[in-house]
Protein backbone atom coordinates (compact mmCIF):
# COMPACT_ATOMS: atom_id res chain seq x y z
CA MET A 1 -94.26 -3.39 9.44
CA GLN A 2 -90.91 -1.02 9.97
CA TYR A 3 -88.61 -3.27 11.87
CA PRO A 4 -86.39 -1.24 14.49
CA ILE A 5 -82.56 -0.82 13.51
CA ALA A 6 -79.93 -1.69 15.85
CA TYR A 7 -77.13 -0.64 13.46
CA ALA A 8 -76.94 0.28 9.97
CA GLY A 9 -73.50 -0.31 8.31
CA GLU A 10 -71.71 0.57 5.30
CA GLU A 11 -71.78 -3.45 4.28
CA PHE A 12 -75.07 -3.94 6.23
CA THR A 13 -78.14 -2.74 8.59
CA ILE A 14 -78.83 -4.70 11.42
CA GLU A 15 -82.54 -4.68 12.81
CA TRP A 16 -84.12 -5.90 15.73
CA TYR A 17 -86.83 -8.59 14.82
CA LEU A 18 -90.17 -8.14 15.48
CA ASP A 19 -93.21 -10.40 16.15
CA LEU A 20 -96.53 -10.10 14.92
CA LYS A 21 -97.50 -8.29 17.99
CA GLY A 22 -95.01 -5.32 17.35
CA HIS A 23 -92.49 -7.43 20.32
CA SER A 24 -89.17 -7.74 20.06
CA GLN A 25 -87.95 -10.85 22.68
CA ALA A 26 -84.11 -9.36 21.41
CA LEU A 27 -84.49 -5.66 21.76
CA GLU A 28 -85.97 -6.11 25.06
CA TYR A 29 -82.91 -8.57 26.87
CA PHE A 30 -80.69 -5.81 25.26
CA LEU A 31 -81.61 -3.12 27.13
CA ALA A 32 -82.35 -5.07 30.55
CA GLN A 33 -78.36 -5.74 30.50
CA SER A 34 -75.55 -3.53 31.43
CA LEU A 35 -74.30 -0.87 29.60
CA ASP A 36 -71.02 -2.88 29.48
CA ARG A 37 -72.71 -5.77 27.85
CA GLN A 38 -74.61 -3.68 25.49
CA ARG A 39 -71.20 -2.01 24.43
CA LYS A 40 -69.69 -5.63 23.95
CA LEU A 41 -72.70 -6.33 21.52
CA LEU A 42 -72.87 -3.04 20.12
CA HIS A 43 -69.00 -3.38 18.87
CA LEU A 44 -69.59 -6.51 17.60
CA LEU A 45 -72.90 -4.78 15.26
CA LYS A 46 -70.37 -2.35 14.27
CA LEU A 47 -67.76 -4.74 12.94
CA MET A 48 -70.09 -6.41 10.92
CA GLY A 49 -72.26 -3.82 9.93
CA ASP A 50 -69.12 -1.50 8.11
CA HIS A 51 -67.55 -4.55 7.25
CA GLY A 52 -69.32 -7.01 6.30
CA LYS A 53 -67.82 -9.76 8.48
CA ILE A 54 -66.13 -10.90 11.60
CA PHE A 55 -63.55 -13.44 11.28
CA ASN A 56 -63.26 -14.22 15.28
CA LYS A 57 -65.10 -18.11 15.59
CA THR A 58 -65.90 -16.79 19.67
CA LYS A 59 -67.95 -13.77 18.14
CA PHE A 60 -70.14 -14.20 15.28
CA MET A 61 -70.58 -18.11 14.26
CA ASN A 62 -72.68 -20.41 11.24
CA GLU A 63 -75.58 -22.62 13.97
CA GLY A 64 -76.36 -24.35 10.85
CA ASP A 65 -80.31 -23.80 8.82
CA GLU A 66 -79.38 -20.19 8.25
CA ILE A 67 -79.03 -19.10 11.50
CA TYR A 68 -76.14 -17.37 13.06
CA ALA A 69 -74.69 -16.18 16.73
CA PHE A 70 -73.17 -12.93 17.69
CA LYS A 71 -71.54 -13.88 20.81
CA PRO A 72 -70.88 -11.21 23.40
CA GLN A 73 -69.34 -12.92 26.32
CA PRO A 74 -72.32 -14.49 27.78
CA ASP A 75 -74.73 -13.57 25.76
CA ARG A 76 -75.98 -14.97 22.42
CA TYR A 77 -78.20 -13.18 19.80
CA LEU A 78 -79.60 -15.01 17.63
CA CYS A 79 -80.01 -13.95 13.49
CA PHE A 80 -80.37 -14.07 10.05
CA PHE A 81 -79.33 -13.04 6.63
CA TYR A 82 -81.89 -11.09 4.21
CA GLN A 83 -82.17 -9.67 0.79
CA GLY A 84 -80.54 -6.00 0.32
CA LYS A 85 -78.27 -6.89 3.31
CA LYS A 86 -80.03 -7.14 6.16
CA ILE A 87 -79.25 -8.74 9.23
CA ILE A 88 -82.09 -9.65 11.41
CA ILE A 89 -81.59 -10.32 14.69
CA THR A 90 -84.11 -12.90 16.18
CA ASN A 91 -83.86 -13.47 20.03
CA ALA A 92 -81.53 -13.45 22.61
CA PHE A 93 -80.40 -15.02 25.86
CA MET A 94 -77.44 -15.93 28.11
CA LYS A 95 -75.16 -18.26 27.42
CA LYS A 96 -75.01 -21.37 29.98
CA THR A 97 -74.25 -24.12 28.17
CA GLN A 98 -71.29 -24.94 25.54
CA LYS A 99 -74.66 -26.26 22.82
CA LEU A 100 -76.63 -23.99 21.33
CA PRO A 101 -80.20 -24.59 23.02
CA ILE A 102 -82.37 -26.60 20.23
CA ASN A 103 -85.62 -24.21 21.83
CA GLU A 104 -83.55 -20.85 20.91
CA LYS A 105 -83.08 -22.09 17.19
CA GLU A 106 -86.14 -22.88 16.87
CA LYS A 107 -87.77 -19.57 18.10
CA ALA A 108 -84.92 -18.49 15.46
CA LEU A 109 -86.15 -20.71 12.89
CA LYS A 110 -89.56 -19.77 13.50
CA ALA A 111 -88.60 -15.80 13.19
CA HIS A 112 -86.65 -16.24 10.13
CA LYS A 113 -90.20 -17.71 8.53
CA ASN A 114 -92.40 -15.51 9.67
CA TYR A 115 -90.22 -12.43 8.50
CA ILE A 116 -89.93 -14.20 4.96
CA ASN A 117 -93.40 -14.21 5.36
CA ILE A 118 -94.08 -11.06 5.69
CA MET A 119 -91.96 -9.54 3.67
CA ASN A 120 -93.54 -11.95 0.80
CA GLY A 121 -96.59 -10.11 1.56
CA CYS A 122 -98.28 -14.01 2.67
């Protein structure tokens, strides 16, 4: 399965996760946002893709269990790192509370597991 590329940089290639039906919740969420909100995410993807790090924890954070979050206010894009210098964006939502909603993290964990199974031919 070919995953759509969100950004290809020198350090990382960042892709949109596709479920088994070829649907990307995160990409659809992104496309539904205003151009200003899209630019905020693209800026973070460029930083990560080209430099390999975002030092500002208000913009990128480890959420535990190998799940990370790009944090362009007010949105959250959950993701994980994969071999071959890839980052896979799994799901996205508008932040409404201080804590990461458990159901959003569960979606990211399920996508992570599915992606690994697909890549391993399971």
